[in-house]
Protein backbone atom coordinates (compact mmCIF):
# COMPACT_ATOMS: atom_id res chain seq x y z
CA MET A 1 261.52 11.30 -53.42
CA SER A 2 261.66 7.11 -53.90
CA ASP A 3 260.04 5.66 -50.82
CA LEU A 4 262.76 3.19 -52.07
CA SER A 5 266.45 2.45 -50.92
CA PRO A 6 269.12 0.24 -51.20
CA VAL A 7 268.25 -2.46 -48.19
CA ARG A 8 270.47 -1.67 -44.67
CA ASP A 9 273.26 -3.84 -43.62
CA GLU A 10 271.23 -4.57 -40.47
CA ASP A 11 267.64 -5.94 -42.60
CA SER A 12 269.41 -8.24 -44.83
CA PHE A 13 268.78 -11.60 -45.46
CA ASP A 14 270.03 -14.42 -47.52
CA VAL A 15 267.84 -13.72 -51.09
CA LYS A 16 268.41 -17.33 -52.78
CA ALA A 17 266.97 -19.07 -49.75
CA VAL A 18 263.80 -16.78 -50.16
CA HIS A 19 263.56 -17.62 -53.82
CA GLN A 20 263.69 -20.84 -53.50
CA TRP A 21 260.97 -21.41 -50.71
CA LEU A 22 259.32 -18.39 -53.38
CA SER A 23 259.70 -21.17 -56.55
CA GLN A 24 256.93 -22.83 -55.61
CA PHE A 25 254.39 -21.08 -55.55
CA ILE A 26 256.12 -18.80 -58.62
CA ALA A 27 257.03 -19.11 -62.02
CA GLU A 28 259.39 -16.56 -61.99
CA THR A 29 263.18 -18.12 -61.61
CA GLU A 30 265.67 -15.60 -62.10
CA LEU A 31 266.66 -13.97 -58.96
CA PRO A 32 265.17 -10.51 -57.95
CA GLU A 33 266.44 -7.65 -57.35
CA VAL A 34 265.64 -6.23 -53.74
CA GLN A 35 265.19 -2.67 -51.85
CA GLN A 36 263.83 -1.71 -48.69
CA PHE A 37 260.82 0.76 -48.00
CA ARG A 38 262.23 3.28 -45.42
CA SER A 39 258.59 3.97 -44.47
CA GLY A 40 258.36 0.31 -42.13
CA ALA A 41 258.30 1.78 -38.84
CA SER A 42 257.75 -1.39 -37.51
CA ASN A 43 257.60 -4.49 -39.65
CA LEU A 44 260.10 -4.30 -42.54
CA THR A 45 258.99 -4.19 -46.24
CA TYR A 46 260.95 -4.96 -49.28
CA LEU A 47 260.49 -5.30 -52.95
CA LEU A 48 260.70 -8.03 -55.05
CA LYS A 49 261.22 -7.02 -58.94
CA TYR A 50 261.01 -10.00 -60.46
CA PRO A 51 261.64 -9.29 -64.46
CA LYS A 52 257.53 -9.28 -65.21
CA ARG A 53 255.93 -8.67 -61.70
CA GLU A 54 256.69 -6.90 -58.15
CA LEU A 55 256.24 -8.67 -54.60
CA VAL A 56 256.32 -7.85 -51.66
CA LEU A 57 258.17 -9.24 -48.67
CA ARG A 58 256.54 -8.58 -44.22
CA ARG A 59 259.01 -9.84 -41.69
CA PRO A 60 259.33 -8.47 -38.01
CA PRO A 61 262.25 -6.20 -36.95
CA VAL A 62 265.37 -7.95 -35.27
CA GLY A 63 265.49 -7.24 -31.80
CA THR A 64 263.55 -7.40 -28.91
CA LYS A 65 259.43 -6.69 -29.70
CA ALA A 66 256.36 -6.47 -27.96
CA VAL A 67 254.78 -9.63 -26.91
CA SER A 68 251.98 -10.03 -29.18
CA ALA A 69 253.40 -7.45 -31.73
CA HIS A 70 254.47 -8.50 -35.28
CA ASP A 71 252.51 -11.81 -36.21
CA MET A 72 253.60 -11.98 -39.88
CA LYS A 73 250.65 -15.30 -39.65
CA ARG A 74 247.81 -12.70 -38.00
CA GLU A 75 248.66 -10.09 -40.65
CA PHE A 76 248.79 -12.82 -43.38
CA LEU A 77 245.16 -14.43 -42.41
CA ILE A 78 243.53 -11.11 -41.70
CA GLN A 79 244.07 -10.26 -45.59
CA SER A 80 243.25 -13.49 -46.87
CA ARG A 81 239.94 -13.63 -44.98
CA LEU A 82 239.23 -10.05 -45.83
CA LYS A 83 240.59 -10.70 -49.31
CA PRO A 84 236.97 -11.98 -50.81
CA VAL A 85 235.17 -9.44 -48.85
CA TYR A 86 236.76 -6.03 -49.00
CA GLU A 87 238.64 -5.31 -52.35
CA LEU A 88 241.27 -3.03 -51.35
CA VAL A 89 243.17 -5.14 -49.13
CA PRO A 90 246.02 -6.32 -50.74
CA ASN A 91 246.40 -9.92 -52.66
CA VAL A 92 248.71 -12.40 -50.80
CA ILE A 93 250.52 -14.92 -52.27
CA ALA A 94 252.37 -17.05 -49.73
CA LEU A 95 253.24 -17.47 -45.63
CA CYS A 96 256.51 -18.89 -44.40
CA GLU A 97 256.96 -20.40 -41.11
CA ASP A 98 259.94 -21.91 -41.46
CA HIS A 99 262.84 -20.63 -39.42
CA SER A 100 265.19 -21.72 -41.31
CA ILE A 101 264.95 -19.45 -44.12
CA LEU A 102 264.92 -16.08 -42.41
CA GLY A 103 264.78 -16.70 -38.44
CA SER A 104 261.41 -15.53 -38.32
CA ASP A 105 257.87 -16.05 -39.60
CA PHE A 106 257.27 -14.01 -43.14
CA TYR A 107 254.62 -13.51 -45.88
CA ILE A 108 254.81 -12.39 -49.63
CA MET A 109 251.89 -10.55 -51.90
CA GLU A 110 251.85 -8.86 -54.82
CA ARG A 111 252.60 -4.93 -54.83
CA ILE A 112 249.32 -2.95 -55.95
CA PRO A 113 250.06 -0.36 -58.14
CA GLY A 114 249.46 3.34 -57.76
CA GLU A 115 251.15 6.10 -55.98
CA ILE A 116 251.31 6.34 -51.76
CA PHE A 117 251.61 9.95 -50.40
CA ARG A 118 253.61 10.68 -47.66
CA ARG A 119 254.66 13.66 -45.59
CA ASP A 120 254.48 16.10 -48.84
CA VAL A 121 252.76 15.66 -52.06
CA PRO A 122 254.06 16.55 -56.13
CA GLU A 123 252.83 20.39 -56.89
CA SER A 124 251.71 18.91 -60.19
CA LEU A 125 248.50 17.34 -57.38
CA SER A 126 245.04 19.42 -58.43
CA ALA A 127 242.26 20.58 -56.12
CA GLU A 128 240.62 17.96 -57.62
CA ASP A 129 243.26 14.15 -56.94
CA ILE A 130 243.46 16.34 -53.02
CA SER A 131 239.51 15.68 -53.14
CA VAL A 132 239.80 12.38 -54.40
CA MET A 133 242.24 11.12 -51.48
CA ALA A 134 240.02 13.10 -48.93
CA ASN A 135 236.34 11.48 -49.76
CA SER A 136 237.69 8.10 -50.45
CA LEU A 137 239.80 8.13 -46.98
CA VAL A 138 236.71 8.99 -44.87
CA ALA A 139 234.43 6.44 -47.43
CA GLY A 140 237.03 3.54 -47.44
CA LEU A 141 236.96 3.81 -43.32
CA ALA A 142 233.51 3.79 -43.39
CA GLN A 143 233.33 0.63 -45.98
CA LEU A 144 235.37 -0.55 -43.88
CA HIS A 145 233.68 -1.16 -40.83
CA SER A 146 230.38 -2.31 -42.79
CA VAL A 147 232.21 -5.42 -43.13
CA ASP A 148 230.45 -8.63 -40.83
CA ALA A 149 233.31 -8.94 -38.13
CA GLY A 150 232.00 -12.45 -38.43
CA VAL A 151 235.00 -13.52 -41.10
CA LEU A 152 237.51 -12.40 -37.97
CA GLN A 153 235.77 -13.93 -35.87
CA GLU A 154 239.07 -15.63 -34.23
CA LEU A 155 239.65 -12.27 -33.26
CA ASN A 156 236.21 -11.33 -31.90
CA LYS A 157 237.41 -11.26 -28.07
CA GLY A 158 233.23 -9.39 -27.17
CA ALA A 159 232.21 -6.86 -25.15
CA GLY A 160 234.80 -5.00 -23.56
CA TYR A 161 237.45 -3.93 -26.33
CA VAL A 162 237.99 -0.22 -25.18
CA GLN A 163 238.26 -1.41 -21.70
CA ARG A 164 240.85 -4.20 -23.03
CA GLN A 165 242.53 -1.68 -25.52
CA VAL A 166 242.63 1.30 -22.76
CA GLU A 167 244.33 -1.71 -19.94
CA GLY A 168 246.33 -2.72 -23.20
CA TRP A 169 248.57 0.36 -23.94
CA SER A 170 248.14 1.21 -20.48
CA LYS A 171 250.79 -1.88 -19.96
CA ARG A 172 252.20 -1.28 -23.02
CA TYR A 173 253.47 2.29 -22.41
CA ARG A 174 254.41 1.55 -18.88
CA ASN A 175 256.69 -1.79 -20.15
CA ALA A 176 258.65 0.48 -22.59
CA LEU A 177 259.46 3.52 -20.75
CA THR A 178 261.82 5.08 -21.06
CA ASP A 179 264.06 8.07 -18.56
CA ASP A 180 263.65 10.73 -21.01
CA VAL A 181 260.01 10.84 -21.75
CA PRO A 182 256.58 11.26 -19.29
CA ASN A 183 255.23 8.51 -16.96
CA GLY A 184 251.74 9.22 -18.35
CA GLU A 185 249.80 8.70 -15.67
CA ASP A 186 248.04 11.23 -15.44
CA VAL A 187 246.34 10.51 -18.87
CA MET A 188 246.44 6.68 -18.30
CA ASN A 189 244.31 6.94 -15.58
CA TRP A 190 241.63 9.79 -17.35
CA LEU A 191 241.14 7.20 -19.67
CA ALA A 192 240.75 4.60 -17.17
CA LYS A 193 237.88 6.46 -15.32
CA ASN A 194 236.02 7.93 -18.59
CA GLN A 195 235.75 4.88 -20.71
CA PRO A 196 232.55 4.68 -23.42
CA GLN A 197 231.38 0.89 -23.76
CA ASP A 198 231.69 0.12 -26.40
CA VAL A 199 229.07 1.36 -29.29
CA ASP A 200 229.78 -1.61 -32.55
CA SER A 201 231.69 -4.12 -33.30
CA CYS A 202 233.05 -4.77 -36.99
CA VAL A 203 236.47 -5.35 -38.49
CA ILE A 204 238.88 -2.45 -37.84
CA HIS A 205 242.24 -1.34 -39.46
CA GLY A 206 243.79 0.26 -36.63
CA ASP A 207 246.03 2.25 -38.19
CA TRP A 208 243.97 3.97 -41.06
CA ARG A 209 246.67 6.74 -42.78
CA ILE A 210 247.34 8.22 -45.84
CA ASP A 211 250.90 6.82 -46.08
CA ASN A 212 249.07 3.21 -45.97
CA MET A 213 247.17 3.45 -48.85
CA VAL A 214 247.18 3.60 -52.13
CA PHE A 215 245.81 6.07 -55.28
CA ASP A 216 245.02 5.47 -58.41
CA LEU A 217 243.55 8.98 -58.75
CA LYS A 218 244.15 8.44 -62.74
CA ALA A 219 241.04 6.39 -61.75
CA LYS A 220 239.83 8.68 -58.60
CA LYS A 221 240.18 6.68 -56.36
CA LEU A 222 241.68 4.04 -53.27
CA ALA A 223 243.29 1.24 -55.24
CA GLY A 224 244.38 -0.28 -51.92
CA VAL A 225 245.03 -0.30 -48.25
CA LEU A 226 248.14 -1.32 -47.04
CA ASP A 227 249.54 -2.25 -43.13
CA TRP A 228 246.80 -4.48 -41.69
CA GLU A 229 249.23 -5.42 -38.71
CA LEU A 230 246.56 -3.87 -36.10
CA ALA A 231 243.51 -5.07 -37.75
CA THR A 232 241.10 -6.44 -35.37
CA VAL A 233 237.38 -6.96 -34.67
CA GLY A 234 236.96 -3.91 -32.34
CA ASP A 235 235.18 -0.42 -32.00
CA PRO A 236 235.03 1.95 -34.61
CA LEU A 237 235.45 4.83 -33.14
CA MET A 238 238.20 3.83 -31.79
CA ASP A 239 239.25 2.87 -34.90
CA LEU A 240 238.57 6.53 -36.30
CA GLY A 241 239.98 7.87 -32.61
CA SER A 242 243.58 6.26 -33.88
CA ALA A 243 243.95 7.60 -36.92
CA LEU A 244 243.01 10.61 -36.16
CA ALA A 245 246.18 10.90 -34.22
CA TYR A 246 247.73 11.79 -36.98
CA TRP A 247 245.97 13.94 -38.54
CA ILE A 248 247.37 17.65 -38.04
CA ASP A 249 245.10 20.51 -39.45
CA LYS A 250 246.77 23.66 -40.55
CA ASP A 251 245.71 25.94 -37.75
CA ASP A 252 247.53 23.27 -35.17
CA GLU A 253 250.06 24.46 -32.82
CA PRO A 254 253.84 24.51 -34.07
CA MET A 255 255.31 21.47 -32.21
CA PHE A 256 252.49 19.50 -32.45
CA ALA A 257 252.19 20.40 -36.62
CA SER A 258 255.89 18.98 -36.35
CA LEU A 259 255.21 15.99 -36.14
CA ARG A 260 253.06 15.95 -39.70
CA ARG A 261 254.04 12.76 -41.72
CA GLN A 262 250.52 12.94 -44.51
CA PRO A 263 249.46 16.31 -46.29
CA SER A 264 246.49 16.53 -43.74
CA HIS A 265 247.27 20.37 -44.02
CA LEU A 266 246.59 21.11 -47.44
CA PRO A 267 243.29 22.96 -48.37
CA GLY A 268 240.44 20.99 -49.51
CA MET A 269 241.41 17.93 -46.70
CA PRO A 270 239.36 18.28 -43.75
CA THR A 271 239.79 18.84 -40.34
CA ARG A 272 239.53 16.55 -37.57
CA LYS A 273 236.07 17.67 -36.94
CA GLU A 274 234.87 17.98 -40.78
CA PHE A 275 236.53 13.80 -40.70
CA ILE A 276 234.27 12.86 -37.98
CA ALA A 277 231.56 14.81 -39.04
CA LYS A 278 231.77 12.85 -42.42
CA TYR A 279 232.25 10.00 -40.98
CA LEU A 280 228.80 9.43 -39.00
CA GLU A 281 227.24 10.83 -41.64
CA ILE A 282 228.12 8.00 -43.62
CA SER A 283 228.41 5.27 -41.47
CA GLY A 284 225.28 6.53 -39.49
CA ARG A 285 226.89 6.33 -36.19
CA LYS A 286 226.47 8.42 -33.55
CA CYS A 287 228.69 11.07 -31.29
CA GLU A 288 227.96 13.91 -29.19
CA ASP A 289 231.59 14.08 -27.98
CA PHE A 290 234.59 12.58 -29.10
CA THR A 291 237.06 14.16 -26.40
CA PHE A 292 237.87 9.84 -25.34
CA TYR A 293 238.65 8.62 -28.41
CA GLU A 294 241.04 11.86 -29.32
CA VAL A 295 242.74 11.12 -25.78
CA PHE A 296 243.19 7.83 -26.64
CA GLY A 297 243.74 7.82 -30.24
CA LEU A 298 247.20 10.25 -29.00
CA PHE A 299 247.85 8.29 -26.18
CA ARG A 300 248.33 4.31 -28.00
CA LEU A 301 250.20 6.90 -30.68
CA THR A 302 252.44 7.44 -28.29
CA VAL A 303 252.57 4.01 -27.04
CA ILE A 304 253.04 2.45 -30.50
CA ILE A 305 256.60 5.52 -30.75
CA GLN A 306 257.52 4.90 -27.68
CA GLN A 307 258.20 1.55 -28.04
CA ILE A 308 260.12 1.39 -31.15
CA TRP A 309 262.09 4.73 -29.69
CA ALA A 310 263.50 2.14 -26.58
CA ARG A 311 264.44 0.03 -29.25
CA TYR A 312 266.26 2.50 -30.80
CA LYS A 313 267.73 3.96 -27.52
CA ALA A 314 268.90 0.15 -26.61
CA GLY A 315 270.72 0.14 -30.40
CA GLN A 316 268.02 -2.57 -31.10
CA THR A 317 267.79 -0.75 -34.82
CA THR A 318 269.94 2.20 -36.34
CA ASN A 319 267.71 3.55 -38.87
CA PRO A 320 267.55 7.31 -38.89
CA ALA A 321 264.10 7.67 -38.60
CA PHE A 322 263.87 6.73 -35.06
CA GLN A 323 266.25 9.58 -34.09
CA GLY A 324 263.25 12.03 -33.38
CA PHE A 325 261.27 9.80 -31.60
CA GLY A 326 261.83 9.79 -27.81
CA MET A 327 260.25 13.95 -29.33
CA GLY A 328 257.24 13.15 -30.78
CA VAL A 329 256.78 10.94 -27.23
CA ASN A 330 256.76 14.51 -25.25
CA VAL A 331 254.94 16.22 -27.88
CA LEU A 332 251.87 13.45 -27.93
CA ILE A 333 251.72 12.72 -24.30
CA ASN A 334 251.47 16.96 -23.83
CA ARG A 335 248.95 17.39 -26.73
CA ALA A 336 246.92 14.29 -24.53
CA GLN A 337 247.01 15.52 -21.51
CA GLY A 338 246.29 19.28 -22.53
CA LEU A 339 242.85 17.83 -23.79
CA ILE A 340 241.98 16.86 -19.84
CA SER A 341 243.11 19.27 -18.24
């Protein structure tokens, strides 16, 4: 099923105003056909379809937003800086800081041609296709983590990344707490008491998932990486832990498996343990016990969906994709709790 749909009423905008502003950067004269990508759970993403090219618009959601989240200027900066040294980044075209057009910052980028896979994949995909996806996922992350952090120097807060993340995500969870989810105090206290020192400092993505990847399976490669909202300079093993929070193995317990949103369970895909081992082999890094990073990744994902769940409960978004997020928070907290018990 296509990921594109008509624009939801609550997410609509003045297409003519956007086009008039954009005309200073592109040659197209006709108004674009606009559709919305259904998959965006944080920022809103739209396809601007012109007769001879396709562009993508990214903007924040409406309603109350977490402090420091949905920073379009930051997303634009990150991709602008990374593109010359990491070719998988989209080509960004322009950033708009004039709130009279959309009511917020937004930016425009080129659409990367290729295939994006979500919970399930077409039956036509071969074992070789799955192997290409699996290998390029691990290699692409290791490649990103080899990029000199100096390209994003202004985002580098120095040593103490692990500590800042534990404290920051704990604060966000407490601020977004609703009465139908666990308070998470046991998990947050465990993370605070068991945090390791930073192992390295490099460019990290922050949301490394299959559905943020554009594949060109005919060319047997990863064609692009999307959604740089959470990218920064930080600890690579924290990034790996965050990525594996989404990774469902084929023999995982049913409640956790019910949260699967990517085809990580397919034959030919690595298990979490195999993913970690392959990453360490490619990157040359070492890690004797990955438990802290796995627990952190689960908790961080919990916070992300709890922030969305809080907005949904408050009626600030009516996207039906969010209606099960409260249950997801419960499942993730319980799984993290099980790893530390």
